[in-house]
Amino acid sequence: MSEGDTPEGRRHGAGQDAGHAVPQAAGGSVAAFPPRRQPAPAPEARPQPAAAVVSFDRHELREIFNVYGRRVAEGEWRDYAIDFRPDKAVFSIYRRASEVPLYRVEKDPSLARRQGAYAVVAATGLILKRGPDLARVLQALDKRPKLVVV
């Protein structure tokens, strides 16, 4: 092997383009991609804080799951979904997984001072109950005892 046939000779020999080594192919050459350039950050750009997300706390979830568990034990409800958005948290209740939710328990802190942060919404969009106390709002989902005449 001669000096031009060594890997160093190939790297530094003919076929260089703008300071980048370009490997020689049989019958032609392969052009190297230009190096990536990072965009310069704007001088006044500051990292944005993560958007606050509304969620249910442990005590609220316990109250919701108490009602949900009773209705699952009765065989009426089978599935649920929890959605945390920047403006509200939603607990959706399903009869089957492929349907629209039967009920939605919503927590919207922006309504806390006016109407109450909690609401139970039916599948049609009708607000069944709204208020500041979750336990009282969830009473709209509890079955009322029925009078049976014997």
C-alpha atoms as a PDB file:
ATOM      1  CA  MET A   1       0.000   0.000   0.000  1.00  0.00           C
ATOM      2  CA  SER A   2       1.187   3.432  -0.742  1.00  0.00           C
ATOM      3  CA  GLU A   3       0.774   6.470   1.429  1.00  0.00           C
ATOM      4  CA  GLY A   4      -2.277   7.633  -0.538  1.00  0.00           C
ATOM      5  CA  ASP A   5      -4.025   4.278   0.080  1.00  0.00           C
ATOM      6  CA  THR A   6      -3.992   4.526   3.872  1.00  0.00           C
ATOM      7  CA  PRO A   7      -7.126   5.640   5.613  1.00  0.00           C
ATOM      8  CA  GLU A   8      -5.384   8.865   6.636  1.00  0.00           C
ATOM      9  CA  GLY A   9      -4.367   9.507   3.054  1.00  0.00           C
ATOM     10  CA  ARG A  10      -7.916   9.002   1.842  1.00  0.00           C
ATOM     11  CA  ARG A  11      -9.239  11.297   4.514  1.00  0.00           C
ATOM     12  CA  HIS A  12      -6.831  14.111   3.725  1.00  0.00           C
ATOM     13  CA  GLY A  13      -6.368  13.523   0.024  1.00  0.00           C
ATOM     14  CA  ALA A  14      -8.494  14.515  -2.948  1.00  0.00           C
ATOM     15  CA  GLY A  15     -12.216  14.554  -2.454  1.00  0.00           C
ATOM     16  CA  GLN A  16     -12.373  17.070   0.362  1.00  0.00           C
ATOM     17  CA  ASP A  17     -15.221  19.601   0.252  1.00  0.00           C
ATOM     18  CA  ALA A  18     -15.230  22.664   2.525  1.00  0.00           C
ATOM     19  CA  GLY A  19     -13.173  20.954   5.188  1.00  0.00           C
ATOM     20  CA  HIS A  20     -15.270  17.762   5.268  1.00  0.00           C
ATOM     21  CA  ALA A  21     -14.020  14.418   4.110  1.00  0.00           C
ATOM     22  CA  VAL A  22     -15.950  13.047   1.184  1.00  0.00           C
ATOM     23  CA  PRO A  23     -15.577   9.317   0.535  1.00  0.00           C
ATOM     24  CA  GLN A  24     -14.773   8.359  -3.034  1.00  0.00           C
ATOM     25  CA  ALA A  25     -17.177   5.981  -4.744  1.00  0.00           C
ATOM     26  CA  ALA A  26     -16.433   3.909  -7.812  1.00  0.00           C
ATOM     27  CA  GLY A  27     -17.366   6.075 -10.785  1.00  0.00           C
ATOM     28  CA  GLY A  28     -18.372   9.204  -8.814  1.00  0.00           C
ATOM     29  CA  SER A  29     -18.288  11.044  -5.543  1.00  0.00           C
ATOM     30  CA  VAL A  30     -20.730  11.393  -2.680  1.00  0.00           C
ATOM     31  CA  ALA A  31     -21.410  14.884  -1.383  1.00  0.00           C
ATOM     32  CA  ALA A  32     -21.427  15.341   2.385  1.00  0.00           C
ATOM     33  CA  PHE A  33     -24.399  16.930   4.137  1.00  0.00           C
ATOM     34  CA  PRO A  34     -23.704  20.426   5.415  1.00  0.00           C
ATOM     35  CA  PRO A  35     -23.217  20.632   9.178  1.00  0.00           C
ATOM     36  CA  ARG A  36     -26.299  21.463  11.238  1.00  0.00           C
ATOM     37  CA  ARG A  37     -26.503  24.949  12.568  1.00  0.00           C
ATOM     38  CA  GLN A  38     -28.338  25.636  15.803  1.00  0.00           C
ATOM     39  CA  PRO A  39     -30.626  28.669  15.663  1.00  0.00           C
ATOM     40  CA  ALA A  40     -29.446  31.456  17.904  1.00  0.00           C
ATOM     41  CA  PRO A  41     -31.820  32.011  20.830  1.00  0.00           C
ATOM     42  CA  ALA A  42     -33.492  35.373  21.054  1.00  0.00           C
ATOM     43  CA  PRO A  43     -31.848  37.513  23.716  1.00  0.00           C
ATOM     44  CA  GLU A  44     -35.072  38.166  25.620  1.00  0.00           C
ATOM     45  CA  ALA A  45     -36.460  34.623  25.237  1.00  0.00           C
ATOM     46  CA  ARG A  46     -37.078  33.058  28.622  1.00  0.00           C
ATOM     47  CA  PRO A  47     -38.351  29.557  29.258  1.00  0.00           C
ATOM     48  CA  GLN A  48     -42.125  29.560  29.647  1.00  0.00           C
ATOM     49  CA  PRO A  49     -43.457  27.956  32.840  1.00  0.00           C
ATOM     50  CA  ALA A  50     -45.502  24.826  32.319  1.00  0.00           C
ATOM     51  CA  ALA A  51     -49.227  25.523  32.154  1.00  0.00           C
ATOM     52  CA  ALA A  52     -50.997  24.686  35.386  1.00  0.00           C
ATOM     53  CA  VAL A  53     -53.361  21.762  35.006  1.00  0.00           C
ATOM     54  CA  VAL A  54     -56.509  21.397  37.083  1.00  0.00           C
ATOM     55  CA  SER A  55     -56.792  17.983  38.722  1.00  0.00           C
ATOM     56  CA  PHE A  56     -58.734  16.142  41.391  1.00  0.00           C
ATOM     57  CA  ASP A  57     -56.967  15.678  44.706  1.00  0.00           C
ATOM     58  CA  ARG A  58     -56.976  12.459  46.721  1.00  0.00           C
ATOM     59  CA  HIS A  59     -60.042  13.324  48.802  1.00  0.00           C
ATOM     60  CA  GLU A  60     -62.100  14.317  45.770  1.00  0.00           C
ATOM     61  CA  LEU A  61     -61.177  11.114  43.953  1.00  0.00           C
ATOM     62  CA  ARG A  62     -62.117   9.059  47.025  1.00  0.00           C
ATOM     63  CA  GLU A  63     -65.606  10.596  47.072  1.00  0.00           C
ATOM     64  CA  ILE A  64     -66.048  10.078  43.325  1.00  0.00           C
ATOM     65  CA  PHE A  65     -64.831   6.464  43.463  1.00  0.00           C
ATOM     66  CA  ASN A  66     -67.134   5.683  46.413  1.00  0.00           C
ATOM     67  CA  VAL A  67     -70.150   6.562  44.277  1.00  0.00           C
ATOM     68  CA  TYR A  68     -68.645   4.953  41.178  1.00  0.00           C
ATOM     69  CA  GLY A  69     -67.814   1.722  43.036  1.00  0.00           C
ATOM     70  CA  ARG A  70     -71.363   1.324  44.346  1.00  0.00           C
ATOM     71  CA  ARG A  71     -72.824   1.688  40.858  1.00  0.00           C
ATOM     72  CA  VAL A  72     -70.259  -0.701  39.355  1.00  0.00           C
ATOM     73  CA  ALA A  73     -71.192  -3.265  42.027  1.00  0.00           C
ATOM     74  CA  GLU A  74     -74.831  -2.885  40.952  1.00  0.00           C
ATOM     75  CA  GLY A  75     -73.773  -3.570  37.354  1.00  0.00           C
ATOM     76  CA  GLU A  76     -74.879  -0.221  35.930  1.00  0.00           C
ATOM     77  CA  TRP A  77     -71.530   1.393  35.158  1.00  0.00           C
ATOM     78  CA  ARG A  78     -68.515  -0.311  33.684  1.00  0.00           C
ATOM     79  CA  ASP A  79     -65.869   2.200  32.696  1.00  0.00           C
ATOM     80  CA  TYR A  80     -64.544   5.655  33.460  1.00  0.00           C
ATOM     81  CA  ALA A  81     -62.078   8.192  32.106  1.00  0.00           C
ATOM     82  CA  ILE A  82     -60.251  11.063  33.762  1.00  0.00           C
ATOM     83  CA  ASP A  83     -59.254  14.128  31.768  1.00  0.00           C
ATOM     84  CA  PHE A  84     -57.077  16.909  33.177  1.00  0.00           C
ATOM     85  CA  ARG A  85     -57.173  20.128  31.173  1.00  0.00           C
ATOM     86  CA  PRO A  86     -55.692  23.538  31.903  1.00  0.00           C
ATOM     87  CA  ASP A  87     -59.151  24.954  32.659  1.00  0.00           C
ATOM     88  CA  LYS A  88     -60.969  21.999  34.280  1.00  0.00           C
ATOM     89  CA  ALA A  89     -60.780  18.364  35.353  1.00  0.00           C
ATOM     90  CA  VAL A  90     -63.390  15.881  34.125  1.00  0.00           C
ATOM     91  CA  PHE A  91     -64.309  12.412  35.439  1.00  0.00           C
ATOM     92  CA  SER A  92     -66.437  10.699  32.765  1.00  0.00           C
ATOM     93  CA  ILE A  93     -68.638   7.697  33.578  1.00  0.00           C
ATOM     94  CA  TYR A  94     -69.555   5.115  30.917  1.00  0.00           C
ATOM     95  CA  ARG A  95     -72.021   2.262  30.734  1.00  0.00           C
ATOM     96  CA  ARG A  96     -69.797   0.607  28.115  1.00  0.00           C
ATOM     97  CA  ALA A  97     -66.380   1.660  26.885  1.00  0.00           C
ATOM     98  CA  SER A  98     -67.551   2.366  23.315  1.00  0.00           C
ATOM     99  CA  GLU A  99     -70.299   4.839  24.198  1.00  0.00           C
ATOM    100  CA  VAL A 100     -70.474   8.498  25.058  1.00  0.00           C
ATOM    101  CA  PRO A 101     -70.263   9.173  28.811  1.00  0.00           C
ATOM    102  CA  LEU A 102     -73.489   8.876  30.791  1.00  0.00           C
ATOM    103  CA  TYR A 103     -72.322  11.473  33.301  1.00  0.00           C
ATOM    104  CA  ARG A 104     -69.404  13.822  33.743  1.00  0.00           C
ATOM    105  CA  VAL A 105     -68.188  15.105  37.088  1.00  0.00           C
ATOM    106  CA  GLU A 106     -66.433  18.395  36.345  1.00  0.00           C
ATOM    107  CA  LYS A 107     -64.194  20.559  38.497  1.00  0.00           C
ATOM    108  CA  ASP A 108     -63.853  24.101  37.175  1.00  0.00           C
ATOM    109  CA  PRO A 109     -62.031  26.413  39.630  1.00  0.00           C
ATOM    110  CA  SER A 110     -62.947  29.512  37.617  1.00  0.00           C
ATOM    111  CA  LEU A 111     -66.598  29.026  38.703  1.00  0.00           C
ATOM    112  CA  ALA A 112     -65.776  28.428  42.383  1.00  0.00           C
ATOM    113  CA  ARG A 113     -66.890  31.854  43.601  1.00  0.00           C
ATOM    114  CA  ARG A 114     -69.991  32.150  41.435  1.00  0.00           C
ATOM    115  CA  GLN A 115     -71.729  28.789  41.049  1.00  0.00           C
ATOM    116  CA  GLY A 116     -69.388  26.326  42.707  1.00  0.00           C
ATOM    117  CA  ALA A 117     -66.403  24.479  41.316  1.00  0.00           C
ATOM    118  CA  TYR A 118     -68.138  21.089  40.947  1.00  0.00           C
ATOM    119  CA  ALA A 119     -70.855  20.004  38.547  1.00  0.00           C
ATOM    120  CA  VAL A 120     -72.525  16.775  37.447  1.00  0.00           C
ATOM    121  CA  VAL A 121     -73.416  16.914  33.748  1.00  0.00           C
ATOM    122  CA  ALA A 122     -75.657  14.403  31.946  1.00  0.00           C
ATOM    123  CA  ALA A 123     -74.929  12.964  28.487  1.00  0.00           C
ATOM    124  CA  THR A 124     -77.229  15.558  26.914  1.00  0.00           C
ATOM    125  CA  GLY A 125     -75.244  18.431  28.446  1.00  0.00           C
ATOM    126  CA  LEU A 126     -77.860  19.164  31.108  1.00  0.00           C
ATOM    127  CA  ILE A 127     -76.256  20.218  34.401  1.00  0.00           C
ATOM    128  CA  LEU A 128     -77.891  18.007  37.026  1.00  0.00           C
ATOM    129  CA  LYS A 129     -76.306  19.651  40.038  1.00  0.00           C
ATOM    130  CA  ARG A 130     -73.671  22.301  40.695  1.00  0.00           C
ATOM    131  CA  GLY A 131     -72.117  23.533  43.896  1.00  0.00           C
ATOM    132  CA  PRO A 132     -69.068  24.151  46.061  1.00  0.00           C
ATOM    133  CA  ASP A 133     -69.281  20.813  47.946  1.00  0.00           C
ATOM    134  CA  LEU A 134     -68.422  17.696  45.943  1.00  0.00           C
ATOM    135  CA  ALA A 135     -70.254  15.285  48.277  1.00  0.00           C
ATOM    136  CA  ARG A 136     -73.528  17.183  47.858  1.00  0.00           C
ATOM    137  CA  VAL A 137     -73.064  17.439  44.088  1.00  0.00           C
ATOM    138  CA  LEU A 138     -72.456  13.685  43.819  1.00  0.00           C
ATOM    139  CA  GLN A 139     -75.829  13.030  45.472  1.00  0.00           C
ATOM    140  CA  ALA A 140     -77.317  13.616  42.023  1.00  0.00           C
ATOM    141  CA  LEU A 141     -75.713  10.324  40.944  1.00  0.00           C
ATOM    142  CA  ASP A 142     -76.795   8.263  43.976  1.00  0.00           C
ATOM    143  CA  LYS A 143     -79.868   6.165  43.574  1.00  0.00           C
ATOM    144  CA  ARG A 144     -82.759   7.214  45.693  1.00  0.00           C
ATOM    145  CA  PRO A 145     -84.599   4.445  47.531  1.00  0.00           C
ATOM    146  CA  LYS A 146     -87.817   3.491  45.801  1.00  0.00           C
ATOM    147  CA  LEU A 147     -91.064   2.833  47.611  1.00  0.00           C
ATOM    148  CA  VAL A 148     -92.232  -0.724  47.026  1.00  0.00           C
ATOM    149  CA  VAL A 149     -95.856  -1.561  47.763  1.00  0.00           C
ATOM    150  CA  VAL A 150     -96.361  -5.119  48.980  1.00  0.00           C
END
